[in-house]
Amino acid sequence: MNIILNCLPQNLDNAACNDFIAHAPLKAWMPALEHLQQAFELPPGPWEKIPLGANALFGLGNNVIVKLVPPNWRRQGDKEILVAPLLEGKLSLQTPRLIASGEIDNWVFVISSRLQGTLLADIWPSLDIQQKRSIMMQTGEVLREIRNVRFDADIAIKVDWPVYIRDLIAGCMARHQRRKMPEGLLAQVMPYIEAAGDFATAGDLRFIHMDIHPWNLMAQQEQGLWKLSGLLDFGDAIVGNCDKLELLTPMIFMAQGNPLLLQSLLEAYGEVDEVEASTLQQQLTAYMLIRPDSDVAFCMQQVPGSGPRDTWEQVAVQMFPL
């Protein structure tokens, strides 16, 4: 049921929607939040706007999170509603428990439990290499758990893998042009993707979170050491046929070009030992180029340069020094 309050903006294009979510003050959202608080008997407590992610996110005290997803990308809200119950209790990490969901002024609302701990992004730069190595090993173990999550055969987020990959390849050049990729690298994108092999070859179906990075992981200290404690944000999740899309994000945003951290993740994950390092480098770089909504320049900024980046072969060796 769609609750109509006429308090949330309608018919915004993507740019205007991003601007509203980023800059509208908390009071602009309060009619919707107060209605949800009353309708679902949420606990009392102060509301806060959480400046994290593309959607509007609000905390109510220490126990409740409300996410408001605009019609522009409502699929992300729909996925949150589907995946939260699917993962609840299935992983060694906490995941948000779905409390309620629906629509308000055509925006999807998702009310869930608030995970305790510290956002990993807030502490990651300050951790020493051994702490990072430990967390990378924990991440690999969590990726293995996610790989083994069971789901119904007709789950709504399952993709037709050959069609999915074909569409990603077909759409990536326009995105790279829009983001002003340097012409020299832009001209090499399609030949590099073609040389990387047959993306459409299907392995076993598996759940893929797709967006595991420090902004979607929570951590807590135990006896002076940081350990992963929670996993957030299921808006990009799919059921598909390849591990590379799952490995890609933590390898870029957590390993950040460190061979020890990359190896720690792969050893804990344990599913790609049969792939030669050069082949894996090539495949991961190709997936970086076709991944949905991938900002390749931003990805490359996560890894300190150690030489020229005039070809994708040079980029691959620096991004994934296996």
C-alpha atoms as a PDB file:
ATOM      1  CA  MET A   1       0.000   0.000   0.000  1.00  0.00           C
ATOM      2  CA  ASN A   2       1.258   3.466  -0.907  1.00  0.00           C
ATOM      3  CA  ILE A   3       0.749   5.982   1.913  1.00  0.00           C
ATOM      4  CA  ILE A   4       0.065   9.436   0.452  1.00  0.00           C
ATOM      5  CA  LEU A   5       1.165  12.347   2.638  1.00  0.00           C
ATOM      6  CA  ASN A   6       2.288  14.740  -0.127  1.00  0.00           C
ATOM      7  CA  CYS A   7       5.439  15.521   1.846  1.00  0.00           C
ATOM      8  CA  LEU A   8       8.142  13.926  -0.313  1.00  0.00           C
ATOM      9  CA  PRO A   9       9.084  15.437  -3.707  1.00  0.00           C
ATOM     10  CA  GLN A  10       7.860  13.832  -6.902  1.00  0.00           C
ATOM     11  CA  ASN A  11       9.089  13.564 -10.500  1.00  0.00           C
ATOM     12  CA  LEU A  12      12.678  14.540  -9.784  1.00  0.00           C
ATOM     13  CA  ASP A  13      15.372  13.630 -12.289  1.00  0.00           C
ATOM     14  CA  ASN A  14      18.407  11.803 -10.918  1.00  0.00           C
ATOM     15  CA  ALA A  15      20.489  14.940 -10.379  1.00  0.00           C
ATOM     16  CA  ALA A  16      17.696  16.761  -8.528  1.00  0.00           C
ATOM     17  CA  CYS A  17      16.969  13.640  -6.491  1.00  0.00           C
ATOM     18  CA  ASN A  18      20.608  13.319  -5.441  1.00  0.00           C
ATOM     19  CA  ASP A  19      20.661  17.001  -4.514  1.00  0.00           C
ATOM     20  CA  PHE A  20      17.503  16.740  -2.392  1.00  0.00           C
ATOM     21  CA  ILE A  21      18.727  13.667  -0.545  1.00  0.00           C
ATOM     22  CA  ALA A  22      22.130  15.224   0.106  1.00  0.00           C
ATOM     23  CA  HIS A  23      21.001  18.709   1.156  1.00  0.00           C
ATOM     24  CA  ALA A  24      17.411  18.681   2.413  1.00  0.00           C
ATOM     25  CA  PRO A  25      17.496  19.344   6.189  1.00  0.00           C
ATOM     26  CA  LEU A  26      16.089  16.867   8.665  1.00  0.00           C
ATOM     27  CA  LYS A  27      12.923  18.952   9.142  1.00  0.00           C
ATOM     28  CA  ALA A  28      11.988  18.375   5.480  1.00  0.00           C
ATOM     29  CA  TRP A  29      11.814  14.654   6.170  1.00  0.00           C
ATOM     30  CA  MET A  30      10.082  14.785   9.547  1.00  0.00           C
ATOM     31  CA  PRO A  31       6.438  14.501   8.330  1.00  0.00           C
ATOM     32  CA  ALA A  32       7.267  11.167   6.701  1.00  0.00           C
ATOM     33  CA  LEU A  33       9.434   9.963   9.582  1.00  0.00           C
ATOM     34  CA  GLU A  34       6.919  10.918  12.256  1.00  0.00           C
ATOM     35  CA  HIS A  35       4.135   9.173  10.345  1.00  0.00           C
ATOM     36  CA  LEU A  36       6.202   5.973  10.142  1.00  0.00           C
ATOM     37  CA  GLN A  37       7.125   6.268  13.810  1.00  0.00           C
ATOM     38  CA  GLN A  38       3.477   6.418  14.787  1.00  0.00           C
ATOM     39  CA  ALA A  39       2.138   3.919  12.242  1.00  0.00           C
ATOM     40  CA  PHE A  40       4.625   1.198  13.202  1.00  0.00           C
ATOM     41  CA  GLU A  41       4.878   2.044  16.907  1.00  0.00           C
ATOM     42  CA  LEU A  42       8.583   2.736  16.709  1.00  0.00           C
ATOM     43  CA  PRO A  43      10.300   3.665  19.953  1.00  0.00           C
ATOM     44  CA  PRO A  44      10.673   7.282  21.045  1.00  0.00           C
ATOM     45  CA  GLY A  45      13.997   8.967  20.572  1.00  0.00           C
ATOM     46  CA  PRO A  46      15.749  11.639  18.537  1.00  0.00           C
ATOM     47  CA  TRP A  47      15.958  11.318  14.765  1.00  0.00           C
ATOM     48  CA  GLU A  48      19.242  11.904  12.971  1.00  0.00           C
ATOM     49  CA  LYS A  49      20.025  12.145   9.275  1.00  0.00           C
ATOM     50  CA  ILE A  50      22.891   9.821   8.365  1.00  0.00           C
ATOM     51  CA  PRO A  51      24.997  11.166   5.471  1.00  0.00           C
ATOM     52  CA  LEU A  52      25.833   7.791   3.986  1.00  0.00           C
ATOM     53  CA  GLY A  53      25.012   6.222   0.622  1.00  0.00           C
ATOM     54  CA  ALA A  54      22.826   7.339  -2.249  1.00  0.00           C
ATOM     55  CA  ASN A  55      19.471   6.960  -0.490  1.00  0.00           C
ATOM     56  CA  ALA A  56      18.050   8.942   2.432  1.00  0.00           C
ATOM     57  CA  LEU A  57      19.047   7.262   5.695  1.00  0.00           C
ATOM     58  CA  PHE A  58      17.844   8.128   9.190  1.00  0.00           C
ATOM     59  CA  GLY A  59      18.571   6.787  12.647  1.00  0.00           C
ATOM     60  CA  LEU A  60      15.999   6.669  15.435  1.00  0.00           C
ATOM     61  CA  GLY A  61      17.841   6.302  18.717  1.00  0.00           C
ATOM     62  CA  ASN A  62      20.210   3.356  18.928  1.00  0.00           C
ATOM     63  CA  ASN A  63      17.951   0.638  17.576  1.00  0.00           C
ATOM     64  CA  VAL A  64      16.132   1.677  14.386  1.00  0.00           C
ATOM     65  CA  ILE A  65      17.177   2.740  10.888  1.00  0.00           C
ATOM     66  CA  VAL A  66      14.783   4.096   8.253  1.00  0.00           C
ATOM     67  CA  LYS A  67      15.831   4.174   4.610  1.00  0.00           C
ATOM     68  CA  LEU A  68      13.784   6.189   2.090  1.00  0.00           C
ATOM     69  CA  VAL A  69      14.413   5.206  -1.531  1.00  0.00           C
ATOM     70  CA  PRO A  70      13.115   7.515  -4.303  1.00  0.00           C
ATOM     71  CA  PRO A  71      11.180   6.152  -7.285  1.00  0.00           C
ATOM     72  CA  ASN A  72      14.251   6.777  -9.487  1.00  0.00           C
ATOM     73  CA  TRP A  73      15.994   3.700  -8.115  1.00  0.00           C
ATOM     74  CA  ARG A  74      13.255   1.880  -6.262  1.00  0.00           C
ATOM     75  CA  ARG A  75      14.786  -1.473  -7.252  1.00  0.00           C
ATOM     76  CA  GLN A  76      17.356  -0.868  -4.514  1.00  0.00           C
ATOM     77  CA  GLY A  77      14.597  -0.568  -1.925  1.00  0.00           C
ATOM     78  CA  ASP A  78      12.851  -3.654  -3.270  1.00  0.00           C
ATOM     79  CA  LYS A  79      16.103  -5.607  -2.969  1.00  0.00           C
ATOM     80  CA  GLU A  80      16.607  -4.482   0.626  1.00  0.00           C
ATOM     81  CA  ILE A  81      13.122  -5.766   1.473  1.00  0.00           C
ATOM     82  CA  LEU A  82      13.791  -9.111  -0.228  1.00  0.00           C
ATOM     83  CA  VAL A  83      17.343  -9.755   0.942  1.00  0.00           C
ATOM     84  CA  ALA A  84      17.179  -8.745   4.619  1.00  0.00           C
ATOM     85  CA  PRO A  85      15.003 -11.767   5.591  1.00  0.00           C
ATOM     86  CA  LEU A  86      17.050 -14.004   3.287  1.00  0.00           C
ATOM     87  CA  LEU A  87      20.315 -13.242   5.109  1.00  0.00           C
ATOM     88  CA  GLU A  88      19.001 -12.901   8.663  1.00  0.00           C
ATOM     89  CA  GLY A  89      20.758 -15.425  10.876  1.00  0.00           C
ATOM     90  CA  LYS A  90      22.676 -16.970   7.944  1.00  0.00           C
ATOM     91  CA  LEU A  91      26.054 -15.257   8.432  1.00  0.00           C
ATOM     92  CA  SER A  92      28.597 -14.947  11.218  1.00  0.00           C
ATOM     93  CA  LEU A  93      28.048 -11.155  10.992  1.00  0.00           C
ATOM     94  CA  GLN A  94      24.935  -9.285  12.056  1.00  0.00           C
ATOM     95  CA  THR A  95      22.659  -8.122   9.267  1.00  0.00           C
ATOM     96  CA  PRO A  96      19.753  -5.691   9.629  1.00  0.00           C
ATOM     97  CA  ARG A  97      16.451  -7.272  10.684  1.00  0.00           C
ATOM     98  CA  LEU A  98      13.532  -6.039   8.600  1.00  0.00           C
ATOM     99  CA  ILE A  99      10.901  -4.393  10.823  1.00  0.00           C
ATOM    100  CA  ALA A 100       8.525  -2.948   8.214  1.00  0.00           C
ATOM    101  CA  SER A 101       8.441  -1.785   4.615  1.00  0.00           C
ATOM    102  CA  GLY A 102       6.151  -0.205   2.056  1.00  0.00           C
ATOM    103  CA  GLU A 103       5.694   3.015   0.104  1.00  0.00           C
ATOM    104  CA  ILE A 104       5.130   6.584   1.166  1.00  0.00           C
ATOM    105  CA  ASP A 105       4.515   9.227  -1.519  1.00  0.00           C
ATOM    106  CA  ASN A 106       5.824   6.677  -4.050  1.00  0.00           C
ATOM    107  CA  TRP A 107       9.140   6.415  -2.175  1.00  0.00           C
ATOM    108  CA  VAL A 108      10.021   2.974  -0.786  1.00  0.00           C
ATOM    109  CA  PHE A 109      10.570   2.917   2.955  1.00  0.00           C
ATOM    110  CA  VAL A 110      12.589   0.221   4.693  1.00  0.00           C
ATOM    111  CA  ILE A 111      12.577   0.113   8.508  1.00  0.00           C
ATOM    112  CA  SER A 112      15.192  -2.166  10.025  1.00  0.00           C
ATOM    113  CA  SER A 113      17.206  -2.793  13.149  1.00  0.00           C
ATOM    114  CA  ARG A 114      20.308  -0.662  13.674  1.00  0.00           C
ATOM    115  CA  LEU A 115      23.537  -2.610  13.847  1.00  0.00           C
ATOM    116  CA  GLN A 116      25.895  -1.859  16.703  1.00  0.00           C
ATOM    117  CA  GLY A 117      29.550  -1.077  16.215  1.00  0.00           C
ATOM    118  CA  THR A 118      31.741   1.283  14.226  1.00  0.00           C
ATOM    119  CA  LEU A 119      31.636   1.774  10.486  1.00  0.00           C
ATOM    120  CA  LEU A 120      34.769   0.108   9.133  1.00  0.00           C
ATOM    121  CA  ALA A 121      35.434   3.104   6.863  1.00  0.00           C
ATOM    122  CA  ASP A 122      35.915   5.275   9.951  1.00  0.00           C
ATOM    123  CA  ILE A 123      38.814   3.192  11.248  1.00  0.00           C
ATOM    124  CA  TRP A 124      40.295   1.456   8.179  1.00  0.00           C
ATOM    125  CA  PRO A 125      42.960   4.095   7.337  1.00  0.00           C
ATOM    126  CA  SER A 126      44.294   4.029  10.909  1.00  0.00           C
ATOM    127  CA  LEU A 127      44.680   0.246  11.230  1.00  0.00           C
ATOM    128  CA  ASP A 128      48.107  -1.344  11.001  1.00  0.00           C
ATOM    129  CA  ILE A 129      48.837  -3.963   8.368  1.00  0.00           C
ATOM    130  CA  GLN A 130      48.294  -6.923  10.698  1.00  0.00           C
ATOM    131  CA  GLN A 131      44.866  -5.648  11.768  1.00  0.00           C
ATOM    132  CA  LYS A 132      43.959  -5.118   8.118  1.00  0.00           C
ATOM    133  CA  ARG A 133      45.206  -8.582   7.232  1.00  0.00           C
ATOM    134  CA  SER A 134      43.032 -10.100   9.957  1.00  0.00           C
ATOM    135  CA  ILE A 135      39.972  -8.230   8.708  1.00  0.00           C
ATOM    136  CA  MET A 136      40.690  -9.237   5.104  1.00  0.00           C
ATOM    137  CA  MET A 137      40.747 -12.877   6.210  1.00  0.00           C
ATOM    138  CA  GLN A 138      37.441 -12.379   8.029  1.00  0.00           C
ATOM    139  CA  THR A 139      36.053 -10.761   4.866  1.00  0.00           C
ATOM    140  CA  GLY A 140      37.082 -13.761   2.799  1.00  0.00           C
ATOM    141  CA  GLU A 141      35.325 -16.069   5.252  1.00  0.00           C
ATOM    142  CA  VAL A 142      32.168 -13.941   5.082  1.00  0.00           C
ATOM    143  CA  LEU A 143      32.281 -14.016   1.272  1.00  0.00           C
ATOM    144  CA  ARG A 144      32.385 -17.813   1.475  1.00  0.00           C
ATOM    145  CA  GLU A 145      29.366 -17.788   3.787  1.00  0.00           C
ATOM    146  CA  ILE A 146      27.493 -15.521   1.402  1.00  0.00           C
ATOM    147  CA  ARG A 147      28.341 -17.814  -1.493  1.00  0.00           C
ATOM    148  CA  ASN A 148      26.593 -20.655   0.340  1.00  0.00           C
ATOM    149  CA  VAL A 149      23.375 -18.787   1.179  1.00  0.00           C
ATOM    150  CA  ARG A 150      20.380 -20.751  -0.128  1.00  0.00           C
ATOM    151  CA  PHE A 151      17.483 -19.162  -1.990  1.00  0.00           C
ATOM    152  CA  ASP A 152      14.341 -20.114  -3.902  1.00  0.00           C
ATOM    153  CA  ALA A 153      14.845 -21.099  -7.523  1.00  0.00           C
ATOM    154  CA  ASP A 154      12.571 -18.299  -8.707  1.00  0.00           C
ATOM    155  CA  ILE A 155      14.006 -15.541  -6.480  1.00  0.00           C
ATOM    156  CA  ALA A 156      13.272 -12.132  -7.987  1.00  0.00           C
ATOM    157  CA  ILE A 157      16.899 -10.944  -8.023  1.00  0.00           C
ATOM    158  CA  LYS A 158      18.140 -13.851 -10.153  1.00  0.00           C
ATOM    159  CA  VAL A 159      19.601 -12.667 -13.454  1.00  0.00           C
ATOM    160  CA  ASP A 160      19.889 -14.430 -16.800  1.00  0.00           C
ATOM    161  CA  TRP A 161      23.687 -14.457 -16.747  1.00  0.00           C
ATOM    162  CA  PRO A 162      24.478 -14.343 -20.505  1.00  0.00           C
ATOM    163  CA  VAL A 163      21.913 -11.571 -21.041  1.00  0.00           C
ATOM    164  CA  TYR A 164      23.080  -9.725 -17.926  1.00  0.00           C
ATOM    165  CA  ILE A 165      26.731  -9.754 -19.031  1.00  0.00           C
ATOM    166  CA  ARG A 166      25.829  -8.810 -22.601  1.00  0.00           C
ATOM    167  CA  ASP A 167      23.887  -5.782 -21.351  1.00  0.00           C
ATOM    168  CA  LEU A 168      26.698  -4.728 -18.996  1.00  0.00           C
ATOM    169  CA  ILE A 169      29.220  -4.849 -21.838  1.00  0.00           C
ATOM    170  CA  ALA A 170      26.895  -3.000 -24.199  1.00  0.00           C
ATOM    171  CA  GLY A 171      26.257  -0.212 -21.706  1.00  0.00           C
ATOM    172  CA  CYS A 172      29.715   0.360 -20.257  1.00  0.00           C
ATOM    173  CA  MET A 173      31.198   2.591 -22.977  1.00  0.00           C
ATOM    174  CA  ALA A 174      28.511   5.244 -22.618  1.00  0.00           C
ATOM    175  CA  ARG A 175      29.159   5.378 -18.877  1.00  0.00           C
ATOM    176  CA  HIS A 176      32.930   5.708 -19.329  1.00  0.00           C
ATOM    177  CA  GLN A 177      32.419   8.491 -21.875  1.00  0.00           C
ATOM    178  CA  ARG A 178      30.006  10.246 -19.533  1.00  0.00           C
ATOM    179  CA  ARG A 179      32.592  10.070 -16.754  1.00  0.00           C
ATOM    180  CA  LYS A 180      35.258  11.440 -19.125  1.00  0.00           C
ATOM    181  CA  MET A 181      37.639   8.491 -19.130  1.00  0.00           C
ATOM    182  CA  PRO A 182      40.935   9.501 -20.826  1.00  0.00           C
ATOM    183  CA  GLU A 183      40.734   8.893 -24.565  1.00  0.00           C
ATOM    184  CA  GLY A 184      43.762   6.605 -24.642  1.00  0.00           C
ATOM    185  CA  LEU A 185      42.250   4.202 -22.119  1.00  0.00           C
ATOM    186  CA  LEU A 186      38.740   4.597 -23.520  1.00  0.00           C
ATOM    187  CA  ALA A 187      39.857   3.326 -26.932  1.00  0.00           C
ATOM    188  CA  GLN A 188      41.248   0.170 -25.306  1.00  0.00           C
ATOM    189  CA  VAL A 189      38.153  -0.753 -23.255  1.00  0.00           C
ATOM    190  CA  MET A 190      36.330  -2.995 -25.716  1.00  0.00           C
ATOM    191  CA  PRO A 191      39.438  -4.826 -27.021  1.00  0.00           C
ATOM    192  CA  TYR A 192      40.510  -5.480 -23.423  1.00  0.00           C
ATOM    193  CA  ILE A 193      37.076  -6.802 -22.444  1.00  0.00           C
ATOM    194  CA  GLU A 194      36.987  -9.058 -25.514  1.00  0.00           C
ATOM    195  CA  ALA A 195      40.443 -10.429 -24.702  1.00  0.00           C
ATOM    196  CA  ALA A 196      39.440 -11.224 -21.112  1.00  0.00           C
ATOM    197  CA  GLY A 197      37.420 -14.249 -22.175  1.00  0.00           C
ATOM    198  CA  ASP A 198      33.848 -15.449 -22.208  1.00  0.00           C
ATOM    199  CA  PHE A 199      32.086 -13.629 -19.371  1.00  0.00           C
ATOM    200  CA  ALA A 200      28.845 -15.388 -20.176  1.00  0.00           C
ATOM    201  CA  THR A 201      30.176 -18.828 -19.215  1.00  0.00           C
ATOM    202  CA  ALA A 202      27.966 -19.798 -16.305  1.00  0.00           C
ATOM    203  CA  GLY A 203      29.125 -21.403 -13.088  1.00  0.00           C
ATOM    204  CA  ASP A 204      26.843 -22.355 -10.224  1.00  0.00           C
ATOM    205  CA  LEU A 205      24.164 -19.876  -9.214  1.00  0.00           C
ATOM    206  CA  ARG A 206      25.084 -17.981  -6.065  1.00  0.00           C
ATOM    207  CA  PHE A 207      24.005 -14.999  -4.033  1.00  0.00           C
ATOM    208  CA  ILE A 208      26.181 -11.932  -4.756  1.00  0.00           C
ATOM    209  CA  HIS A 209      26.086  -8.918  -2.424  1.00  0.00           C
ATOM    210  CA  MET A 210      28.295  -7.018  -4.935  1.00  0.00           C
ATOM    211  CA  ASP A 211      29.086  -4.037  -2.695  1.00  0.00           C
ATOM    212  CA  ILE A 212      31.209  -5.260   0.228  1.00  0.00           C
ATOM    213  CA  HIS A 213      33.502  -2.400   1.211  1.00  0.00           C
ATOM    214  CA  PRO A 214      34.355  -0.392   4.359  1.00  0.00           C
ATOM    215  CA  TRP A 215      31.200   1.746   4.119  1.00  0.00           C
ATOM    216  CA  ASN A 216      28.989  -1.364   4.258  1.00  0.00           C
ATOM    217  CA  LEU A 217      30.826  -3.223   7.014  1.00  0.00           C
ATOM    218  CA  MET A 218      30.648  -2.706  10.778  1.00  0.00           C
ATOM    219  CA  ALA A 219      33.394  -3.567  13.256  1.00  0.00           C
ATOM    220  CA  GLN A 220      33.794  -3.877  17.012  1.00  0.00           C
ATOM    221  CA  GLN A 221      36.808  -4.125  19.273  1.00  0.00           C
ATOM    222  CA  GLU A 222      37.464  -7.337  21.176  1.00  0.00           C
ATOM    223  CA  GLN A 223      40.425  -7.388  23.558  1.00  0.00           C
ATOM    224  CA  GLY A 224      41.967  -4.441  21.731  1.00  0.00           C
ATOM    225  CA  LEU A 225      41.578  -5.945  18.240  1.00  0.00           C
ATOM    226  CA  TRP A 226      39.056  -4.907  15.620  1.00  0.00           C
ATOM    227  CA  LYS A 227      36.777  -7.606  14.206  1.00  0.00           C
ATOM    228  CA  LEU A 228      33.989  -7.460  11.661  1.00  0.00           C
ATOM    229  CA  SER A 229      30.571  -7.433  13.286  1.00  0.00           C
ATOM    230  CA  GLY A 230      27.973  -6.433  10.684  1.00  0.00           C
ATOM    231  CA  LEU A 231      27.082  -6.217   6.994  1.00  0.00           C
ATOM    232  CA  LEU A 232      24.795  -3.557   5.485  1.00  0.00           C
ATOM    233  CA  ASP A 233      23.137  -2.444   2.259  1.00  0.00           C
ATOM    234  CA  PHE A 234      21.682  -5.020  -0.119  1.00  0.00           C
ATOM    235  CA  GLY A 235      20.590  -2.614  -2.859  1.00  0.00           C
ATOM    236  CA  ASP A 236      23.008  -4.022  -5.471  1.00  0.00           C
ATOM    237  CA  ALA A 237      22.519  -7.717  -4.688  1.00  0.00           C
ATOM    238  CA  ILE A 238      21.830 -10.272  -7.403  1.00  0.00           C
ATOM    239  CA  VAL A 239      21.769 -14.019  -7.800  1.00  0.00           C
ATOM    240  CA  GLY A 240      24.222 -14.780 -10.587  1.00  0.00           C
ATOM    241  CA  ASN A 241      26.996 -17.046 -11.767  1.00  0.00           C
ATOM    242  CA  CYS A 242      30.417 -15.546 -11.053  1.00  0.00           C
ATOM    243  CA  ASP A 243      32.605 -14.947  -7.994  1.00  0.00           C
ATOM    244  CA  LYS A 244      34.567 -12.089  -9.592  1.00  0.00           C
ATOM    245  CA  LEU A 245      31.823  -9.511  -9.061  1.00  0.00           C
ATOM    246  CA  GLU A 246      31.840 -10.319  -5.334  1.00  0.00           C
ATOM    247  CA  LEU A 247      35.616 -10.292  -4.941  1.00  0.00           C
ATOM    248  CA  LEU A 248      36.112  -7.121  -6.958  1.00  0.00           C
ATOM    249  CA  THR A 249      34.891  -4.505  -4.488  1.00  0.00           C
ATOM    250  CA  PRO A 250      36.802  -5.570  -1.350  1.00  0.00           C
ATOM    251  CA  MET A 251      39.924  -6.134  -3.438  1.00  0.00           C
ATOM    252  CA  ILE A 252      39.777  -2.537  -4.672  1.00  0.00           C
ATOM    253  CA  PHE A 253      38.494  -0.654  -1.635  1.00  0.00           C
ATOM    254  CA  MET A 254      40.110  -2.693   1.159  1.00  0.00           C
ATOM    255  CA  ALA A 255      43.271  -4.294  -0.241  1.00  0.00           C
ATOM    256  CA  GLN A 256      44.074  -1.072  -2.144  1.00  0.00           C
ATOM    257  CA  GLY A 257      46.907  -2.640  -4.111  1.00  0.00           C
ATOM    258  CA  ASN A 258      48.589  -4.401  -1.176  1.00  0.00           C
ATOM    259  CA  PRO A 259      49.623  -7.940  -2.239  1.00  0.00           C
ATOM    260  CA  LEU A 260      49.506  -9.274   1.333  1.00  0.00           C
ATOM    261  CA  LEU A 261      45.925  -8.107   1.820  1.00  0.00           C
ATOM    262  CA  LEU A 262      44.842  -9.448  -1.562  1.00  0.00           C
ATOM    263  CA  GLN A 263      46.358 -12.831  -0.829  1.00  0.00           C
ATOM    264  CA  SER A 264      44.799 -12.932   2.645  1.00  0.00           C
ATOM    265  CA  LEU A 265      41.343 -12.366   1.161  1.00  0.00           C
ATOM    266  CA  LEU A 266      41.789 -15.021  -1.520  1.00  0.00           C
ATOM    267  CA  GLU A 267      43.239 -17.612   0.871  1.00  0.00           C
ATOM    268  CA  ALA A 268      40.319 -17.194   3.267  1.00  0.00           C
ATOM    269  CA  TYR A 269      37.816 -17.310   0.419  1.00  0.00           C
ATOM    270  CA  GLY A 270      39.465 -20.348  -1.138  1.00  0.00           C
ATOM    271  CA  GLU A 271      37.512 -20.685  -4.388  1.00  0.00           C
ATOM    272  CA  VAL A 272      39.846 -19.288  -7.070  1.00  0.00           C
ATOM    273  CA  ASP A 273      43.087 -21.213  -6.498  1.00  0.00           C
ATOM    274  CA  GLU A 274      42.902 -22.805  -9.938  1.00  0.00           C
ATOM    275  CA  VAL A 275      42.995 -19.446 -11.767  1.00  0.00           C
ATOM    276  CA  GLU A 276      46.426 -18.152 -12.806  1.00  0.00           C
ATOM    277  CA  ALA A 277      47.340 -14.768 -11.334  1.00  0.00           C
ATOM    278  CA  SER A 278      47.620 -13.020 -14.715  1.00  0.00           C
ATOM    279  CA  THR A 279      44.261 -14.394 -15.827  1.00  0.00           C
ATOM    280  CA  LEU A 280      42.593 -13.338 -12.580  1.00  0.00           C
ATOM    281  CA  GLN A 281      44.094  -9.843 -12.894  1.00  0.00           C
ATOM    282  CA  GLN A 282      42.688  -9.547 -16.393  1.00  0.00           C
ATOM    283  CA  GLN A 283      39.255 -10.841 -15.450  1.00  0.00           C
ATOM    284  CA  LEU A 284      38.962  -8.591 -12.400  1.00  0.00           C
ATOM    285  CA  THR A 285      39.958  -5.524 -14.407  1.00  0.00           C
ATOM    286  CA  ALA A 286      37.456  -6.403 -17.118  1.00  0.00           C
ATOM    287  CA  TYR A 287      34.731  -6.802 -14.498  1.00  0.00           C
ATOM    288  CA  MET A 288      35.736  -3.421 -13.062  1.00  0.00           C
ATOM    289  CA  LEU A 289      35.074  -1.961 -16.516  1.00  0.00           C
ATOM    290  CA  ILE A 290      31.626  -3.519 -16.938  1.00  0.00           C
ATOM    291  CA  ARG A 291      30.350  -3.604 -13.337  1.00  0.00           C
ATOM    292  CA  PRO A 292      27.006  -1.772 -12.944  1.00  0.00           C
ATOM    293  CA  ASP A 293      27.501   1.926 -12.090  1.00  0.00           C
ATOM    294  CA  SER A 294      31.268   1.472 -11.744  1.00  0.00           C
ATOM    295  CA  ASP A 295      33.235   4.715 -11.513  1.00  0.00           C
ATOM    296  CA  VAL A 296      36.553   3.399 -12.810  1.00  0.00           C
ATOM    297  CA  ALA A 297      38.482   6.608 -12.078  1.00  0.00           C
ATOM    298  CA  PHE A 298      37.330   6.471  -8.446  1.00  0.00           C
ATOM    299  CA  CYS A 299      38.293   2.800  -8.238  1.00  0.00           C
ATOM    300  CA  MET A 300      41.768   3.565  -9.595  1.00  0.00           C
ATOM    301  CA  GLN A 301      42.202   6.349  -7.032  1.00  0.00           C
ATOM    302  CA  GLN A 302      41.933   3.743  -4.256  1.00  0.00           C
ATOM    303  CA  VAL A 303      45.234   2.145  -5.302  1.00  0.00           C
ATOM    304  CA  PRO A 304      48.440   4.208  -5.172  1.00  0.00           C
ATOM    305  CA  GLY A 305      50.120   4.401  -8.566  1.00  0.00           C
ATOM    306  CA  SER A 306      53.389   2.511  -8.935  1.00  0.00           C
ATOM    307  CA  GLY A 307      54.033   3.259 -12.600  1.00  0.00           C
ATOM    308  CA  PRO A 308      52.329   4.412 -15.796  1.00  0.00           C
ATOM    309  CA  ARG A 309      48.655   3.625 -16.351  1.00  0.00           C
ATOM    310  CA  ASP A 310      48.484   4.055 -20.097  1.00  0.00           C
ATOM    311  CA  THR A 311      47.112   0.579 -20.818  1.00  0.00           C
ATOM    312  CA  TRP A 312      44.646  -1.679 -19.031  1.00  0.00           C
ATOM    313  CA  GLU A 313      47.413  -4.260 -18.695  1.00  0.00           C
ATOM    314  CA  GLN A 314      49.398  -1.732 -16.639  1.00  0.00           C
ATOM    315  CA  VAL A 315      46.309  -0.866 -14.629  1.00  0.00           C
ATOM    316  CA  ALA A 316      45.555  -4.549 -13.928  1.00  0.00           C
ATOM    317  CA  VAL A 317      49.017  -5.242 -12.485  1.00  0.00           C
ATOM    318  CA  GLN A 318      48.751  -2.248 -10.138  1.00  0.00           C
ATOM    319  CA  MET A 319      45.137  -2.765  -9.074  1.00  0.00           C
ATOM    320  CA  PHE A 320      45.476  -6.509  -8.445  1.00  0.00           C
ATOM    321  CA  PRO A 321      49.166  -7.337  -7.739  1.00  0.00           C
ATOM    322  CA  LEU A 322      48.650 -11.043  -7.126  1.00  0.00           C
END
